[in-house]
């Protein structure tokens, strides 16, 4: 069995999404074309609960993109 794994192919990373990747939408037609060539297609989705500590909104007086210390590890603050 051959498997195609699509990782984080979701709106958030497409143009207009909250964490848009430039030209990210170009992968969609490629993925659509490839899917018919595989026995199994598995897709993942990046997701966090609304109160996740990686969101800037959970840290008063902090900004999106700011790097903070979170339990001894560097954490970039993301938009909700």
PDB file of N, CA and C in Angstrom:
ATOM      1  N   UNK A   1       0.850  -1.180   0.000  1.00  0.00           N
ATOM      2  CA  UNK A   1       0.000   0.000   0.000  1.00  0.00           C
ATOM      3  C   UNK A   1       0.895   1.241   0.000  1.00  0.00           C
ATOM      4  N   UNK A   2       0.569   2.188  -0.862  1.00  0.00           N
ATOM      5  CA  UNK A   2       1.321   3.450  -0.847  1.00  0.00           C
ATOM      6  C   UNK A   2       0.421   4.544  -0.271  1.00  0.00           C
ATOM      7  N   UNK A   3       1.045   5.405   0.521  1.00  0.00           N
ATOM      8  CA  UNK A   3       0.301   6.411   1.285  1.00  0.00           C
ATOM      9  C   UNK A   3       0.848   7.805   1.011  1.00  0.00           C
ATOM     10  N   UNK A   4      -0.069   8.738   0.820  1.00  0.00           N
ATOM     11  CA  UNK A   4       0.274  10.156   0.697  1.00  0.00           C
ATOM     12  C   UNK A   4      -0.121  10.824   2.004  1.00  0.00           C
ATOM     13  N   UNK A   5       0.816  11.508   2.633  1.00  0.00           N
ATOM     14  CA  UNK A   5       0.535  12.223   3.878  1.00  0.00           C
ATOM     15  C   UNK A   5       0.615  13.718   3.599  1.00  0.00           C
ATOM     16  N   UNK A   6      -0.502  14.399   3.795  1.00  0.00           N
ATOM     17  CA  UNK A   6      -0.596  15.848   3.597  1.00  0.00           C
ATOM     18  C   UNK A   6      -0.540  16.506   4.972  1.00  0.00           C
ATOM     19  N   UNK A   7       0.497  17.276   5.220  1.00  0.00           N
ATOM     20  CA  UNK A   7       0.708  17.877   6.536  1.00  0.00           C
ATOM     21  C   UNK A   7       0.300  19.347   6.518  1.00  0.00           C
ATOM     22  N   UNK A   8      -0.661  19.682   7.386  1.00  0.00           N
ATOM     23  CA  UNK A   8      -1.095  21.072   7.600  1.00  0.00           C
ATOM     24  C   UNK A   8      -1.541  21.777   6.319  1.00  0.00           C
ATOM     25  N   UNK A   9      -2.168  21.048   5.424  1.00  0.00           N
ATOM     26  CA  UNK A   9      -2.714  21.644   4.205  1.00  0.00           C
ATOM     27  C   UNK A   9      -4.086  22.220   4.565  1.00  0.00           C
ATOM     28  N   UNK A  10      -4.071  23.433   5.124  1.00  0.00           N
ATOM     29  CA  UNK A  10      -5.288  24.034   5.676  1.00  0.00           C
ATOM     30  C   UNK A  10      -5.289  25.535   5.444  1.00  0.00           C
ATOM     31  N   UNK A  11      -6.476  26.131   5.581  1.00  0.00           N
ATOM     32  CA  UNK A  11      -6.664  27.551   5.271  1.00  0.00           C
ATOM     33  C   UNK A  11      -5.714  28.463   6.045  1.00  0.00           C
ATOM     34  N   UNK A  12      -5.423  28.159   7.304  1.00  0.00           N
ATOM     35  CA  UNK A  12      -4.565  29.034   8.113  1.00  0.00           C
ATOM     36  C   UNK A  12      -3.242  29.350   7.432  1.00  0.00           C
ATOM     37  N   UNK A  13      -2.728  28.421   6.637  1.00  0.00           N
ATOM     38  CA  UNK A  13      -1.428  28.594   5.999  1.00  0.00           C
ATOM     39  C   UNK A  13      -1.527  29.015   4.534  1.00  0.00           C
ATOM     40  N   UNK A  14      -2.744  29.278   4.074  1.00  0.00           N
ATOM     41  CA  UNK A  14      -2.976  29.723   2.702  1.00  0.00           C
ATOM     42  C   UNK A  14      -3.056  31.249   2.661  1.00  0.00           C
ATOM     43  N   UNK A  15      -2.909  31.861   1.492  1.00  0.00           N
ATOM     44  CA  UNK A  15      -3.069  33.314   1.390  1.00  0.00           C
ATOM     45  C   UNK A  15      -4.406  33.742   2.011  1.00  0.00           C
ATOM     46  N   UNK A  16      -4.343  34.722   2.899  1.00  0.00           N
ATOM     47  CA  UNK A  16      -5.525  35.183   3.613  1.00  0.00           C
ATOM     48  C   UNK A  16      -5.716  34.522   4.962  1.00  0.00           C
ATOM     49  N   UNK A  17      -4.978  33.453   5.240  1.00  0.00           N
ATOM     50  CA  UNK A  17      -5.085  32.756   6.520  1.00  0.00           C
ATOM     51  C   UNK A  17      -4.336  33.481   7.619  1.00  0.00           C
ATOM     52  N   UNK A  18      -4.560  33.054   8.858  1.00  0.00           N
ATOM     53  CA  UNK A  18      -3.949  33.740  10.001  1.00  0.00           C
ATOM     54  C   UNK A  18      -2.428  33.604  10.039  1.00  0.00           C
ATOM     55  N   UNK A  19      -1.885  32.554   9.470  1.00  0.00           N
ATOM     56  CA  UNK A  19      -0.427  32.354   9.391  1.00  0.00           C
ATOM     57  C   UNK A  19      -0.038  32.073   7.938  1.00  0.00           C
ATOM     58  N   UNK A  20      -0.490  32.934   7.067  1.00  0.00           N
ATOM     59  CA  UNK A  20      -0.339  32.719   5.625  1.00  0.00           C
ATOM     60  C   UNK A  20       1.111  32.503   5.207  1.00  0.00           C
ATOM     61  N   UNK A  21       1.294  31.525   4.347  1.00  0.00           N
ATOM     62  CA  UNK A  21       2.587  31.242   3.728  1.00  0.00           C
ATOM     63  C   UNK A  21       2.523  31.801   2.306  1.00  0.00           C
ATOM     64  N   UNK A  22       3.469  32.672   1.937  1.00  0.00           N
ATOM     65  CA  UNK A  22       3.435  33.211   0.573  1.00  0.00           C
ATOM     66  C   UNK A  22       3.367  32.077  -0.457  1.00  0.00           C
ATOM     67  N   UNK A  23       2.452  32.193  -1.379  1.00  0.00           N
ATOM     68  CA  UNK A  23       2.269  31.211  -2.448  1.00  0.00           C
ATOM     69  C   UNK A  23       1.878  29.825  -1.927  1.00  0.00           C
ATOM     70  N   UNK A  24       1.402  29.751  -0.677  1.00  0.00           N
ATOM     71  CA  UNK A  24       1.018  28.468  -0.087  1.00  0.00           C
ATOM     72  C   UNK A  24      -0.075  27.756  -0.853  1.00  0.00           C
ATOM     73  N   UNK A  25      -0.947  28.511  -1.480  1.00  0.00           N
ATOM     74  CA  UNK A  25      -2.037  27.910  -2.235  1.00  0.00           C
ATOM     75  C   UNK A  25      -1.592  27.104  -3.437  1.00  0.00           C
ATOM     76  N   UNK A  26      -0.352  27.272  -3.847  1.00  0.00           N
ATOM     77  CA  UNK A  26       0.144  26.540  -5.017  1.00  0.00           C
ATOM     78  C   UNK A  26       0.242  25.037  -4.773  1.00  0.00           C
ATOM     79  N   UNK A  27       0.264  24.612  -3.529  1.00  0.00           N
ATOM     80  CA  UNK A  27       0.366  23.178  -3.247  1.00  0.00           C
ATOM     81  C   UNK A  27      -0.968  22.457  -3.413  1.00  0.00           C
ATOM     82  N   UNK A  28      -2.082  23.191  -3.371  1.00  0.00           N
ATOM     83  CA  UNK A  28      -3.400  22.553  -3.422  1.00  0.00           C
ATOM     84  C   UNK A  28      -3.637  21.793  -4.727  1.00  0.00           C
ATOM     85  N   UNK A  29      -3.442  22.399  -5.897  1.00  0.00           N
ATOM     86  CA  UNK A  29      -3.667  21.622  -7.120  1.00  0.00           C
ATOM     87  C   UNK A  29      -2.702  20.443  -7.258  1.00  0.00           C
ATOM     88  N   UNK A  30      -1.499  20.584  -6.748  1.00  0.00           N
ATOM     89  CA  UNK A  30      -0.529  19.479  -6.791  1.00  0.00           C
ATOM     90  C   UNK A  30      -1.034  18.331  -5.922  1.00  0.00           C
ATOM     91  N   UNK A  31      -1.476  18.648  -4.703  1.00  0.00           N
ATOM     92  CA  UNK A  31      -2.009  17.619  -3.808  1.00  0.00           C
ATOM     93  C   UNK A  31      -3.233  16.952  -4.428  1.00  0.00           C
ATOM     94  N   UNK A  32      -4.130  17.751  -4.993  1.00  0.00           N
ATOM     95  CA  UNK A  32      -5.331  17.190  -5.620  1.00  0.00           C
ATOM     96  C   UNK A  32      -4.978  16.221  -6.744  1.00  0.00           C
ATOM     97  N   UNK A  33      -3.976  16.560  -7.525  1.00  0.00           N
ATOM     98  CA  UNK A  33      -3.559  15.695  -8.630  1.00  0.00           C
ATOM     99  C   UNK A  33      -2.906  14.410  -8.125  1.00  0.00           C
ATOM    100  N   UNK A  34      -2.112  14.520  -7.075  1.00  0.00           N
ATOM    101  CA  UNK A  34      -1.392  13.358  -6.549  1.00  0.00           C
ATOM    102  C   UNK A  34      -2.291  12.351  -5.844  1.00  0.00           C
ATOM    103  N   UNK A  35      -3.376  12.807  -5.241  1.00  0.00           N
ATOM    104  CA  UNK A  35      -4.198  11.921  -4.411  1.00  0.00           C
ATOM    105  C   UNK A  35      -4.682  10.678  -5.149  1.00  0.00           C
ATOM    106  N   UNK A  36      -4.998  10.799  -6.412  1.00  0.00           N
ATOM    107  CA  UNK A  36      -5.512   9.643  -7.163  1.00  0.00           C
ATOM    108  C   UNK A  36      -4.453   8.566  -7.393  1.00  0.00           C
ATOM    109  N   UNK A  37      -3.195   8.903  -7.173  1.00  0.00           N
ATOM    110  CA  UNK A  37      -2.105   7.952  -7.394  1.00  0.00           C
ATOM    111  C   UNK A  37      -1.776   7.120  -6.154  1.00  0.00           C
ATOM    112  N   UNK A  38      -2.476   7.347  -5.041  1.00  0.00           N
ATOM    113  CA  UNK A  38      -2.171   6.664  -3.788  1.00  0.00           C
ATOM    114  C   UNK A  38      -3.355   5.830  -3.315  1.00  0.00           C
ATOM    115  N   UNK A  39      -3.031   4.739  -2.625  1.00  0.00           N
ATOM    116  CA  UNK A  39      -4.064   3.878  -2.053  1.00  0.00           C
ATOM    117  C   UNK A  39      -4.732   4.531  -0.851  1.00  0.00           C
ATOM    118  N   UNK A  40      -3.954   5.271  -0.105  1.00  0.00           N
ATOM    119  CA  UNK A  40      -4.444   5.900   1.120  1.00  0.00           C
ATOM    120  C   UNK A  40      -3.930   7.331   1.182  1.00  0.00           C
ATOM    121  N   UNK A  41      -4.804   8.259   1.507  1.00  0.00           N
ATOM    122  CA  UNK A  41      -4.422   9.659   1.690  1.00  0.00           C
ATOM    123  C   UNK A  41      -4.760  10.039   3.124  1.00  0.00           C
ATOM    124  N   UNK A  42      -3.753  10.536   3.843  1.00  0.00           N
ATOM    125  CA  UNK A  42      -3.922  10.955   5.233  1.00  0.00           C
ATOM    126  C   UNK A  42      -3.576  12.435   5.312  1.00  0.00           C
ATOM    127  N   UNK A  43      -4.448  13.214   5.949  1.00  0.00           N
ATOM    128  CA  UNK A  43      -4.202  14.650   6.094  1.00  0.00           C
ATOM    129  C   UNK A  43      -4.150  15.006   7.574  1.00  0.00           C
ATOM    130  N   UNK A  44      -3.194  15.845   7.936  1.00  0.00           N
ATOM    131  CA  UNK A  44      -3.107  16.338   9.312  1.00  0.00           C
ATOM    132  C   UNK A  44      -3.582  17.780   9.351  1.00  0.00           C
ATOM    133  N   UNK A  45      -3.962  18.225  10.543  1.00  0.00           N
ATOM    134  CA  UNK A  45      -4.383  19.613  10.731  1.00  0.00           C
ATOM    135  C   UNK A  45      -3.749  20.138  12.008  1.00  0.00           C
ATOM    136  N   UNK A  46      -3.062  21.270  11.896  1.00  0.00           N
ATOM    137  CA  UNK A  46      -2.512  21.939  13.067  1.00  0.00           C
ATOM    138  C   UNK A  46      -3.669  22.592  13.819  1.00  0.00           C
ATOM    139  N   UNK A  47      -3.761  22.364  15.129  1.00  0.00           N
ATOM    140  CA  UNK A  47      -4.871  22.884  15.915  1.00  0.00           C
ATOM    141  C   UNK A  47      -4.419  23.080  17.358  1.00  0.00           C
ATOM    142  N   UNK A  48      -4.940  24.128  17.987  1.00  0.00           N
ATOM    143  CA  UNK A  48      -4.677  24.400  19.399  1.00  0.00           C
ATOM    144  C   UNK A  48      -5.965  24.887  20.044  1.00  0.00           C
ATOM    145  N   UNK A  49      -6.191  24.578  21.326  1.00  0.00           N
ATOM    146  CA  UNK A  49      -7.378  25.113  22.001  1.00  0.00           C
ATOM    147  C   UNK A  49      -7.296  26.633  22.096  1.00  0.00           C
ATOM    148  N   UNK A  50      -8.440  27.268  22.261  1.00  0.00           N
ATOM    149  CA  UNK A  50      -8.529  28.738  22.255  1.00  0.00           C
ATOM    150  C   UNK A  50      -7.612  29.401  23.274  1.00  0.00           C
ATOM    151  N   UNK A  51      -7.359  28.744  24.390  1.00  0.00           N
ATOM    152  CA  UNK A  51      -6.540  29.347  25.448  1.00  0.00           C
ATOM    153  C   UNK A  51      -5.089  28.840  25.437  1.00  0.00           C
ATOM    154  N   UNK A  52      -4.621  28.365  24.298  1.00  0.00           N
ATOM    155  CA  UNK A  52      -3.266  27.815  24.209  1.00  0.00           C
ATOM    156  C   UNK A  52      -2.224  28.889  24.518  1.00  0.00           C
ATOM    157  N   UNK A  53      -1.193  28.521  25.241  1.00  0.00           N
ATOM    158  CA  UNK A  53      -0.175  29.488  25.674  1.00  0.00           C
ATOM    159  C   UNK A  53       0.709  30.003  24.545  1.00  0.00           C
ATOM    160  N   UNK A  54       0.597  29.440  23.358  1.00  0.00           N
ATOM    161  CA  UNK A  54       1.373  29.965  22.230  1.00  0.00           C
ATOM    162  C   UNK A  54       0.696  31.171  21.583  1.00  0.00           C
ATOM    163  N   UNK A  55      -0.534  31.504  21.997  1.00  0.00           N
ATOM    164  CA  UNK A  55      -1.253  32.652  21.439  1.00  0.00           C
ATOM    165  C   UNK A  55      -0.906  33.930  22.189  1.00  0.00           C
ATOM    166  N   UNK A  56      -0.615  34.976  21.446  1.00  0.00           N
ATOM    167  CA  UNK A  56      -0.264  36.270  22.049  1.00  0.00           C
ATOM    168  C   UNK A  56      -1.364  36.774  22.974  1.00  0.00           C
ATOM    169  N   UNK A  57      -2.617  36.461  22.664  1.00  0.00           N
ATOM    170  CA  UNK A  57      -3.736  36.942  23.485  1.00  0.00           C
ATOM    171  C   UNK A  57      -3.697  36.408  24.911  1.00  0.00           C
ATOM    172  N   UNK A  58      -2.937  35.364  25.156  1.00  0.00           N
ATOM    173  CA  UNK A  58      -2.836  34.780  26.494  1.00  0.00           C
ATOM    174  C   UNK A  58      -1.755  35.449  27.346  1.00  0.00           C
ATOM    175  N   UNK A  59      -1.076  36.434  26.778  1.00  0.00           N
ATOM    176  CA  UNK A  59       0.027  37.107  27.468  1.00  0.00           C
ATOM    177  C   UNK A  59      -0.173  38.621  27.387  1.00  0.00           C
ATOM    178  N   UNK A  60      -0.792  39.207  28.412  1.00  0.00           N
ATOM    179  CA  UNK A  60      -1.022  40.659  28.393  1.00  0.00           C
ATOM    180  C   UNK A  60       0.275  41.426  28.123  1.00  0.00           C
ATOM    181  N   UNK A  61       0.161  42.468  27.351  1.00  0.00           N
ATOM    182  CA  UNK A  61       1.280  43.365  27.032  1.00  0.00           C
ATOM    183  C   UNK A  61       2.342  42.708  26.149  1.00  0.00           C
ATOM    184  N   UNK A  62       1.987  41.606  25.485  1.00  0.00           N
ATOM    185  CA  UNK A  62       2.899  40.956  24.534  1.00  0.00           C
ATOM    186  C   UNK A  62       2.308  41.075  23.138  1.00  0.00           C
ATOM    187  N   UNK A  63       3.153  40.965  22.140  1.00  0.00           N
ATOM    188  CA  UNK A  63       2.739  41.155  20.752  1.00  0.00           C
ATOM    189  C   UNK A  63       2.903  39.864  19.946  1.00  0.00           C
ATOM    190  N   UNK A  64       2.105  39.728  18.903  1.00  0.00           N
ATOM    191  CA  UNK A  64       2.260  38.619  17.964  1.00  0.00           C
ATOM    192  C   UNK A  64       3.680  38.661  17.400  1.00  0.00           C
ATOM    193  N   UNK A  65       4.322  37.509  17.359  1.00  0.00           N
ATOM    194  CA  UNK A  65       5.675  37.409  16.835  1.00  0.00           C
ATOM    195  C   UNK A  65       6.760  37.569  17.883  1.00  0.00           C
ATOM    196  N   UNK A  66       6.380  38.017  19.071  1.00  0.00           N
ATOM    197  CA  UNK A  66       7.356  38.209  20.146  1.00  0.00           C
ATOM    198  C   UNK A  66       7.831  36.849  20.653  1.00  0.00           C
ATOM    199  N   UNK A  67       9.094  36.769  21.032  1.00  0.00           N
ATOM    200  CA  UNK A  67       9.680  35.552  21.580  1.00  0.00           C
ATOM    201  C   UNK A  67       9.677  35.662  23.095  1.00  0.00           C
ATOM    202  N   UNK A  68       9.088  34.663  23.765  1.00  0.00           N
ATOM    203  CA  UNK A  68       9.051  34.664  25.227  1.00  0.00           C
ATOM    204  C   UNK A  68       9.647  33.362  25.751  1.00  0.00           C
ATOM    205  N   UNK A  69       9.922  33.337  27.042  1.00  0.00           N
ATOM    206  CA  UNK A  69      10.332  32.118  27.722  1.00  0.00           C
ATOM    207  C   UNK A  69       9.071  31.449  28.252  1.00  0.00           C
ATOM    208  N   UNK A  70       8.842  30.218  27.878  1.00  0.00           N
ATOM    209  CA  UNK A  70       7.678  29.467  28.333  1.00  0.00           C
ATOM    210  C   UNK A  70       8.173  28.150  28.915  1.00  0.00           C
ATOM    211  N   UNK A  71       8.202  28.090  30.242  1.00  0.00           N
ATOM    212  CA  UNK A  71       8.670  26.893  30.947  1.00  0.00           C
ATOM    213  C   UNK A  71      10.092  26.512  30.526  1.00  0.00           C
ATOM    214  N   UNK A  72      10.944  27.521  30.347  1.00  0.00           N
ATOM    215  CA  UNK A  72      12.336  27.281  30.012  1.00  0.00           C
ATOM    216  C   UNK A  72      12.621  27.083  28.532  1.00  0.00           C
ATOM    217  N   UNK A  73      11.605  27.222  27.700  1.00  0.00           N
ATOM    218  CA  UNK A  73      11.782  27.060  26.258  1.00  0.00           C
ATOM    219  C   UNK A  73      11.372  28.335  25.539  1.00  0.00           C
ATOM    220  N   UNK A  74      12.033  28.644  24.429  1.00  0.00           N
ATOM    221  CA  UNK A  74      11.638  29.789  23.615  1.00  0.00           C
ATOM    222  C   UNK A  74      10.308  29.501  22.934  1.00  0.00           C
ATOM    223  N   UNK A  75       9.415  30.475  22.964  1.00  0.00           N
ATOM    224  CA  UNK A  75       8.109  30.343  22.319  1.00  0.00           C
ATOM    225  C   UNK A  75       7.795  31.613  21.553  1.00  0.00           C
ATOM    226  N   UNK A  76       7.510  31.480  20.265  1.00  0.00           N
ATOM    227  CA  UNK A  76       7.022  32.603  19.466  1.00  0.00           C
ATOM    228  C   UNK A  76       5.531  32.729  19.734  1.00  0.00           C
ATOM    229  N   UNK A  77       5.056  33.952  19.922  1.00  0.00           N
ATOM    230  CA  UNK A  77       3.632  34.176  20.147  1.00  0.00           C
ATOM    231  C   UNK A  77       2.921  34.338  18.808  1.00  0.00           C
ATOM    232  N   UNK A  78       1.859  33.564  18.627  1.00  0.00           N
ATOM    233  CA  UNK A  78       1.117  33.502  17.376  1.00  0.00           C
ATOM    234  C   UNK A  78      -0.232  34.189  17.517  1.00  0.00           C
ATOM    235  N   UNK A  79      -0.839  34.573  16.383  1.00  0.00           N
ATOM    236  CA  UNK A  79      -2.211  35.093  16.447  1.00  0.00           C
ATOM    237  C   UNK A  79      -3.172  33.954  16.779  1.00  0.00           C
ATOM    238  N   UNK A  80      -4.303  34.304  17.351  1.00  0.00           N
ATOM    239  CA  UNK A  80      -5.314  33.282  17.675  1.00  0.00           C
ATOM    240  C   UNK A  80      -5.902  32.711  16.404  1.00  0.00           C
TER     241      UNK A  80
END
